Amino acid sequence: MRLTQHLHQHRIRQAVATSSAGLSFELKTSNHTEWLALFDCIVKGNDPAIALGKPAPDIFLITAQRLDADPAECLVFEDALAGLKAAIGAGMSVVAVPDASMDKQLYHNAHQVLNSLREFQPQLWQLPAFD
């Protein structure tokens, strides 16, 4: 929440690109509507523009297009290996935040691997530092 609010405050566009589809996404996020309102775009796994799901890069390329963003300038936060592969395939930078039960060695292709989003330092990515 802190990161999302920080980026929103600095007018940095944000999106959600999730493999979850319609009802599943709605159920998972029903208690987070205020937080989701901070995102400029939400692309779900059942979006008709997506030909192939993760690990194909489609969802990330479509999300970048809808944000009017160059994929090379996008930073993806990802917890899943399929998402990591998809984001790299889209030509994006990736900060992996795997579940604690996952072997972090599997995420060696990520540009950065964190234990928690609380460890993220925006200034290392040319983003405004936290106050």
N, C-alpha and C. Protein backbone atom coordinates (compact mmCIF):
# COMPACT_ATOMS: atom_id res chain seq x y z
N MET A 1 0.83 -1.19 0.00
CA MET A 1 0.00 0.00 0.00
C MET A 1 0.88 1.26 0.00
N ARG A 2 1.92 1.24 0.84
CA ARG A 2 2.80 2.41 0.93
C ARG A 2 3.41 2.73 -0.44
N LEU A 3 3.91 1.72 -1.13
CA LEU A 3 4.53 1.93 -2.44
C LEU A 3 3.52 2.45 -3.45
N THR A 4 2.37 1.84 -3.50
CA THR A 4 1.34 2.26 -4.45
C THR A 4 0.91 3.70 -4.19
N GLN A 5 0.70 4.05 -2.95
CA GLN A 5 0.31 5.43 -2.61
C GLN A 5 1.43 6.41 -2.96
N HIS A 6 2.67 6.01 -2.70
CA HIS A 6 3.82 6.86 -3.01
C HIS A 6 3.91 7.14 -4.51
N LEU A 7 3.81 6.10 -5.31
CA LEU A 7 3.89 6.28 -6.76
C LEU A 7 2.71 7.10 -7.28
N HIS A 8 1.54 6.85 -6.74
CA HIS A 8 0.35 7.63 -7.14
C HIS A 8 0.54 9.10 -6.81
N GLN A 9 1.06 9.37 -5.63
CA GLN A 9 1.29 10.75 -5.20
C GLN A 9 2.26 11.47 -6.14
N HIS A 10 3.21 10.73 -6.69
CA HIS A 10 4.19 11.31 -7.60
C HIS A 10 3.76 11.18 -9.07
N ARG A 11 2.52 10.84 -9.27
CA ARG A 11 1.91 10.74 -10.61
C ARG A 11 2.65 9.77 -11.54
N ILE A 12 3.10 8.68 -10.96
CA ILE A 12 3.71 7.61 -11.74
C ILE A 12 2.63 6.58 -12.02
N ARG A 13 2.41 6.36 -13.32
CA ARG A 13 1.32 5.48 -13.72
C ARG A 13 1.58 4.05 -13.26
N GLN A 14 0.49 3.39 -12.85
CA GLN A 14 0.58 2.04 -12.32
C GLN A 14 -0.54 1.18 -12.89
N ALA A 15 -0.26 -0.10 -12.97
CA ALA A 15 -1.26 -1.03 -13.48
C ALA A 15 -1.17 -2.34 -12.73
N VAL A 16 -2.24 -3.09 -12.83
CA VAL A 16 -2.27 -4.47 -12.37
C VAL A 16 -2.42 -5.33 -13.61
N ALA A 17 -1.55 -6.33 -13.75
CA ALA A 17 -1.64 -7.29 -14.85
C ALA A 17 -1.69 -8.67 -14.19
N THR A 18 -2.89 -9.19 -14.06
CA THR A 18 -3.09 -10.42 -13.30
C THR A 18 -3.64 -11.55 -14.16
N SER A 19 -3.18 -12.75 -13.87
CA SER A 19 -3.73 -13.93 -14.56
C SER A 19 -5.13 -14.26 -14.06
N SER A 20 -5.48 -13.72 -12.92
CA SER A 20 -6.84 -13.96 -12.38
C SER A 20 -7.87 -13.38 -13.35
N ALA A 21 -8.97 -14.09 -13.48
CA ALA A 21 -10.04 -13.65 -14.37
C ALA A 21 -11.19 -13.05 -13.57
N GLY A 22 -12.06 -12.36 -14.26
CA GLY A 22 -13.23 -11.69 -13.74
C GLY A 22 -13.65 -11.94 -12.30
N LEU A 23 -14.47 -12.96 -12.10
CA LEU A 23 -15.06 -13.22 -10.78
C LEU A 23 -13.99 -13.55 -9.74
N SER A 24 -13.00 -14.33 -10.12
CA SER A 24 -11.92 -14.68 -9.20
C SER A 24 -11.20 -13.42 -8.72
N PHE A 25 -10.91 -12.52 -9.64
CA PHE A 25 -10.25 -11.25 -9.29
C PHE A 25 -11.15 -10.43 -8.37
N GLU A 26 -12.41 -10.37 -8.70
CA GLU A 26 -13.35 -9.59 -7.90
C GLU A 26 -13.43 -10.12 -6.47
N LEU A 27 -13.46 -11.43 -6.32
CA LEU A 27 -13.53 -12.02 -4.98
C LEU A 27 -12.25 -11.75 -4.19
N LYS A 28 -11.10 -11.86 -4.85
CA LYS A 28 -9.82 -11.63 -4.17
C LYS A 28 -9.63 -10.18 -3.75
N THR A 29 -10.24 -9.26 -4.48
CA THR A 29 -9.97 -7.84 -4.26
C THR A 29 -11.15 -7.05 -3.70
N SER A 30 -12.21 -7.72 -3.35
CA SER A 30 -13.43 -7.01 -2.93
C SER A 30 -13.22 -6.11 -1.72
N ASN A 31 -12.26 -6.43 -0.89
CA ASN A 31 -11.98 -5.59 0.28
C ASN A 31 -10.87 -4.56 0.03
N HIS A 32 -10.49 -4.41 -1.23
CA HIS A 32 -9.36 -3.52 -1.56
C HIS A 32 -9.72 -2.49 -2.63
N THR A 33 -10.97 -2.10 -2.71
CA THR A 33 -11.40 -1.20 -3.78
C THR A 33 -10.72 0.17 -3.69
N GLU A 34 -10.50 0.67 -2.49
CA GLU A 34 -9.84 1.97 -2.33
C GLU A 34 -8.40 1.90 -2.85
N TRP A 35 -7.72 0.83 -2.55
CA TRP A 35 -6.35 0.64 -3.01
C TRP A 35 -6.31 0.49 -4.54
N LEU A 36 -7.21 -0.32 -5.09
CA LEU A 36 -7.24 -0.54 -6.54
C LEU A 36 -7.56 0.74 -7.32
N ALA A 37 -8.23 1.67 -6.68
CA ALA A 37 -8.56 2.93 -7.35
C ALA A 37 -7.30 3.75 -7.66
N LEU A 38 -6.18 3.43 -7.04
CA LEU A 38 -4.93 4.14 -7.30
C LEU A 38 -4.28 3.70 -8.61
N PHE A 39 -4.72 2.60 -9.17
CA PHE A 39 -4.14 2.09 -10.40
C PHE A 39 -4.83 2.71 -11.61
N ASP A 40 -4.03 2.98 -12.63
CA ASP A 40 -4.54 3.59 -13.86
C ASP A 40 -5.18 2.56 -14.79
N CYS A 41 -4.82 1.31 -14.61
CA CYS A 41 -5.26 0.27 -15.53
C CYS A 41 -5.21 -1.07 -14.82
N ILE A 42 -6.21 -1.90 -15.07
CA ILE A 42 -6.22 -3.27 -14.56
C ILE A 42 -6.52 -4.19 -15.75
N VAL A 43 -5.60 -5.10 -16.00
CA VAL A 43 -5.78 -6.07 -17.09
C VAL A 43 -5.84 -7.45 -16.45
N LYS A 44 -6.96 -8.13 -16.69
CA LYS A 44 -7.20 -9.45 -16.09
C LYS A 44 -6.94 -10.55 -17.11
N GLY A 45 -6.72 -11.74 -16.60
CA GLY A 45 -6.38 -12.88 -17.44
C GLY A 45 -7.39 -13.23 -18.51
N ASN A 46 -8.64 -12.85 -18.32
CA ASN A 46 -9.67 -13.16 -19.32
C ASN A 46 -9.91 -12.02 -20.30
N ASP A 47 -9.02 -11.02 -20.32
CA ASP A 47 -9.16 -9.91 -21.26
C ASP A 47 -9.10 -10.45 -22.69
N PRO A 48 -10.04 -10.09 -23.54
CA PRO A 48 -10.08 -10.65 -24.90
C PRO A 48 -8.85 -10.30 -25.75
N ALA A 49 -8.10 -9.29 -25.38
CA ALA A 49 -6.91 -8.91 -26.14
C ALA A 49 -5.73 -9.85 -25.88
N ILE A 50 -5.83 -10.67 -24.84
CA ILE A 50 -4.73 -11.57 -24.48
C ILE A 50 -4.86 -12.88 -25.25
N ALA A 51 -3.91 -13.12 -26.15
CA ALA A 51 -3.93 -14.37 -26.92
C ALA A 51 -3.39 -15.52 -26.09
N LEU A 52 -2.30 -15.28 -25.38
CA LEU A 52 -1.66 -16.31 -24.58
C LEU A 52 -1.40 -15.79 -23.17
N GLY A 53 -1.66 -16.62 -22.18
CA GLY A 53 -1.42 -16.23 -20.80
C GLY A 53 0.05 -16.33 -20.42
N LYS A 54 0.36 -15.90 -19.20
CA LYS A 54 1.73 -16.01 -18.70
C LYS A 54 2.14 -17.49 -18.75
N PRO A 55 3.33 -17.79 -19.18
CA PRO A 55 4.54 -17.01 -19.30
C PRO A 55 4.73 -16.25 -20.61
N ALA A 56 3.72 -16.27 -21.50
CA ALA A 56 3.81 -15.43 -22.69
C ALA A 56 3.73 -13.96 -22.25
N PRO A 57 4.35 -13.06 -22.98
CA PRO A 57 4.40 -11.65 -22.56
C PRO A 57 3.14 -10.83 -22.86
N ASP A 58 2.15 -11.44 -23.47
CA ASP A 58 0.96 -10.71 -23.94
C ASP A 58 0.37 -9.75 -22.91
N ILE A 59 0.10 -10.23 -21.71
CA ILE A 59 -0.60 -9.40 -20.72
C ILE A 59 0.21 -8.15 -20.38
N PHE A 60 1.54 -8.28 -20.31
CA PHE A 60 2.36 -7.13 -19.98
C PHE A 60 2.47 -6.16 -21.15
N LEU A 61 2.54 -6.67 -22.36
CA LEU A 61 2.59 -5.80 -23.54
C LEU A 61 1.28 -5.03 -23.70
N ILE A 62 0.17 -5.70 -23.47
CA ILE A 62 -1.14 -5.04 -23.55
C ILE A 62 -1.27 -3.98 -22.46
N THR A 63 -0.81 -4.30 -21.27
CA THR A 63 -0.88 -3.34 -20.16
C THR A 63 -0.03 -2.11 -20.47
N ALA A 64 1.17 -2.31 -20.98
CA ALA A 64 2.03 -1.17 -21.35
C ALA A 64 1.36 -0.33 -22.42
N GLN A 65 0.76 -0.97 -23.40
CA GLN A 65 0.07 -0.25 -24.47
C GLN A 65 -1.07 0.60 -23.90
N ARG A 66 -1.84 0.05 -22.98
CA ARG A 66 -2.96 0.78 -22.40
C ARG A 66 -2.49 1.93 -21.49
N LEU A 67 -1.29 1.82 -20.96
CA LEU A 67 -0.72 2.91 -20.17
C LEU A 67 0.01 3.91 -21.06
N ASP A 68 0.09 3.60 -22.37
CA ASP A 68 0.86 4.40 -23.31
C ASP A 68 2.32 4.49 -22.84
N ALA A 69 2.86 3.34 -22.46
CA ALA A 69 4.21 3.26 -21.91
C ALA A 69 5.09 2.37 -22.77
N ASP A 70 6.35 2.71 -22.86
CA ASP A 70 7.35 1.89 -23.52
C ASP A 70 7.67 0.71 -22.60
N PRO A 71 7.52 -0.54 -23.08
CA PRO A 71 7.80 -1.68 -22.21
C PRO A 71 9.20 -1.62 -21.57
N ALA A 72 10.17 -1.07 -22.28
CA ALA A 72 11.54 -0.98 -21.75
C ALA A 72 11.62 -0.04 -20.55
N GLU A 73 10.59 0.77 -20.35
CA GLU A 73 10.58 1.70 -19.22
C GLU A 73 9.63 1.26 -18.12
N CYS A 74 9.13 0.04 -18.22
CA CYS A 74 8.20 -0.48 -17.22
C CYS A 74 8.93 -1.32 -16.19
N LEU A 75 8.49 -1.20 -14.96
CA LEU A 75 9.03 -1.99 -13.86
C LEU A 75 7.90 -2.87 -13.33
N VAL A 76 8.13 -4.16 -13.32
CA VAL A 76 7.12 -5.13 -12.91
C VAL A 76 7.51 -5.70 -11.55
N PHE A 77 6.53 -5.80 -10.65
CA PHE A 77 6.70 -6.49 -9.38
C PHE A 77 5.98 -7.82 -9.54
N GLU A 78 6.69 -8.92 -9.36
CA GLU A 78 6.12 -10.22 -9.66
C GLU A 78 6.49 -11.24 -8.60
N ASP A 79 5.53 -12.10 -8.27
CA ASP A 79 5.79 -13.15 -7.29
C ASP A 79 5.90 -14.53 -7.93
N ALA A 80 5.40 -14.68 -9.13
CA ALA A 80 5.34 -15.99 -9.77
C ALA A 80 6.39 -16.13 -10.88
N LEU A 81 6.91 -17.34 -11.04
CA LEU A 81 7.91 -17.59 -12.08
C LEU A 81 7.35 -17.34 -13.48
N ALA A 82 6.10 -17.74 -13.71
CA ALA A 82 5.50 -17.51 -15.03
C ALA A 82 5.40 -16.02 -15.31
N GLY A 83 5.07 -15.23 -14.31
CA GLY A 83 5.01 -13.78 -14.48
C GLY A 83 6.37 -13.17 -14.72
N LEU A 84 7.39 -13.68 -14.03
CA LEU A 84 8.76 -13.22 -14.25
C LEU A 84 9.16 -13.45 -15.70
N LYS A 85 8.91 -14.65 -16.19
CA LYS A 85 9.24 -14.97 -17.59
C LYS A 85 8.47 -14.09 -18.55
N ALA A 86 7.21 -13.85 -18.26
CA ALA A 86 6.38 -13.02 -19.14
C ALA A 86 6.89 -11.58 -19.18
N ALA A 87 7.23 -11.02 -18.03
CA ALA A 87 7.70 -9.64 -17.98
C ALA A 87 9.05 -9.49 -18.69
N ILE A 88 9.94 -10.44 -18.48
CA ILE A 88 11.23 -10.39 -19.18
C ILE A 88 11.01 -10.55 -20.67
N GLY A 89 10.10 -11.42 -21.06
CA GLY A 89 9.77 -11.59 -22.47
C GLY A 89 9.20 -10.33 -23.10
N ALA A 90 8.57 -9.50 -22.28
CA ALA A 90 8.00 -8.24 -22.76
C ALA A 90 9.07 -7.13 -22.79
N GLY A 91 10.27 -7.45 -22.33
CA GLY A 91 11.35 -6.46 -22.33
C GLY A 91 11.30 -5.50 -21.15
N MET A 92 10.68 -5.92 -20.07
CA MET A 92 10.51 -5.06 -18.89
C MET A 92 11.50 -5.46 -17.80
N SER A 93 11.76 -4.54 -16.89
CA SER A 93 12.56 -4.83 -15.70
C SER A 93 11.66 -5.47 -14.67
N VAL A 94 12.24 -6.39 -13.89
CA VAL A 94 11.42 -7.15 -12.94
C VAL A 94 12.05 -7.18 -11.55
N VAL A 95 11.24 -6.81 -10.58
CA VAL A 95 11.57 -6.99 -9.18
C VAL A 95 10.73 -8.18 -8.72
N ALA A 96 11.40 -9.25 -8.37
CA ALA A 96 10.70 -10.45 -7.91
C ALA A 96 10.54 -10.41 -6.41
N VAL A 97 9.35 -10.78 -5.96
CA VAL A 97 9.06 -10.87 -4.54
C VAL A 97 8.40 -12.23 -4.32
N PRO A 98 9.23 -13.29 -4.36
CA PRO A 98 8.66 -14.64 -4.25
C PRO A 98 8.17 -14.96 -2.86
N ASP A 99 7.24 -15.88 -2.80
CA ASP A 99 6.77 -16.40 -1.53
C ASP A 99 7.96 -16.97 -0.77
N ALA A 100 7.95 -16.85 0.54
CA ALA A 100 9.06 -17.32 1.38
C ALA A 100 9.36 -18.80 1.18
N SER A 101 8.36 -19.58 0.76
CA SER A 101 8.57 -21.02 0.57
C SER A 101 9.26 -21.36 -0.75
N MET A 102 9.40 -20.37 -1.63
CA MET A 102 10.02 -20.61 -2.93
C MET A 102 11.53 -20.51 -2.85
N ASP A 103 12.22 -21.27 -3.68
CA ASP A 103 13.67 -21.21 -3.78
C ASP A 103 14.02 -19.95 -4.58
N LYS A 104 14.67 -19.01 -3.95
CA LYS A 104 15.00 -17.74 -4.61
C LYS A 104 15.94 -17.91 -5.79
N GLN A 105 16.67 -19.01 -5.83
CA GLN A 105 17.56 -19.27 -6.97
C GLN A 105 16.78 -19.40 -8.28
N LEU A 106 15.51 -19.78 -8.17
CA LEU A 106 14.68 -19.91 -9.37
C LEU A 106 14.40 -18.56 -10.01
N TYR A 107 14.62 -17.48 -9.27
CA TYR A 107 14.32 -16.13 -9.74
C TYR A 107 15.58 -15.40 -10.21
N HIS A 108 16.63 -16.15 -10.57
CA HIS A 108 17.91 -15.54 -10.92
C HIS A 108 17.83 -14.60 -12.13
N ASN A 109 16.80 -14.72 -12.95
CA ASN A 109 16.66 -13.83 -14.11
C ASN A 109 16.06 -12.47 -13.75
N ALA A 110 15.55 -12.34 -12.55
CA ALA A 110 14.97 -11.05 -12.13
C ALA A 110 16.09 -10.02 -11.98
N HIS A 111 15.73 -8.77 -12.16
CA HIS A 111 16.69 -7.68 -12.00
C HIS A 111 16.98 -7.41 -10.53
N GLN A 112 16.04 -7.77 -9.68
CA GLN A 112 16.21 -7.65 -8.23
C GLN A 112 15.26 -8.65 -7.58
N VAL A 113 15.70 -9.25 -6.49
CA VAL A 113 14.86 -10.17 -5.72
C VAL A 113 14.77 -9.65 -4.30
N LEU A 114 13.54 -9.48 -3.82
CA LEU A 114 13.29 -8.97 -2.47
C LEU A 114 12.53 -10.00 -1.65
N ASN A 115 12.67 -9.92 -0.35
CA ASN A 115 11.87 -10.76 0.54
C ASN A 115 10.48 -10.17 0.75
N SER A 116 10.38 -8.84 0.59
CA SER A 116 9.13 -8.12 0.84
C SER A 116 9.16 -6.82 0.05
N LEU A 117 8.00 -6.33 -0.33
CA LEU A 117 7.95 -5.02 -0.98
C LEU A 117 8.41 -3.91 -0.06
N ARG A 118 8.40 -4.16 1.24
CA ARG A 118 8.89 -3.16 2.20
C ARG A 118 10.37 -2.89 2.02
N GLU A 119 11.08 -3.80 1.38
CA GLU A 119 12.52 -3.63 1.13
C GLU A 119 12.79 -2.77 -0.11
N PHE A 120 11.78 -2.52 -0.91
CA PHE A 120 11.97 -1.80 -2.17
C PHE A 120 12.43 -0.37 -1.92
N GLN A 121 13.46 0.04 -2.64
CA GLN A 121 14.00 1.40 -2.56
C GLN A 121 13.81 2.06 -3.93
N PRO A 122 12.78 2.89 -4.07
CA PRO A 122 12.44 3.46 -5.38
C PRO A 122 13.60 4.20 -6.05
N GLN A 123 14.42 4.89 -5.28
CA GLN A 123 15.49 5.69 -5.86
C GLN A 123 16.50 4.82 -6.63
N LEU A 124 16.60 3.54 -6.30
CA LEU A 124 17.49 2.65 -7.05
C LEU A 124 16.99 2.39 -8.47
N TRP A 125 15.74 2.75 -8.70
CA TRP A 125 15.11 2.57 -10.01
C TRP A 125 14.76 3.91 -10.65
N GLN A 126 15.44 4.95 -10.26
CA GLN A 126 15.21 6.30 -10.76
C GLN A 126 13.78 6.78 -10.51
N LEU A 127 13.23 6.35 -9.41
CA LEU A 127 11.91 6.80 -8.96
C LEU A 127 12.11 7.67 -7.73
N PRO A 128 11.14 8.53 -7.43
CA PRO A 128 11.28 9.36 -6.22
C PRO A 128 11.42 8.51 -4.96
N ALA A 129 12.36 8.88 -4.12
CA ALA A 129 12.58 8.17 -2.86
C ALA A 129 11.40 8.40 -1.91
N PHE A 130 11.20 7.45 -1.02
CA PHE A 130 10.21 7.62 0.03
C PHE A 130 10.61 8.81 0.88
N ASP A 131 9.60 9.52 1.42
CA ASP A 131 9.86 10.66 2.30
C ASP A 131 10.42 10.20 3.63
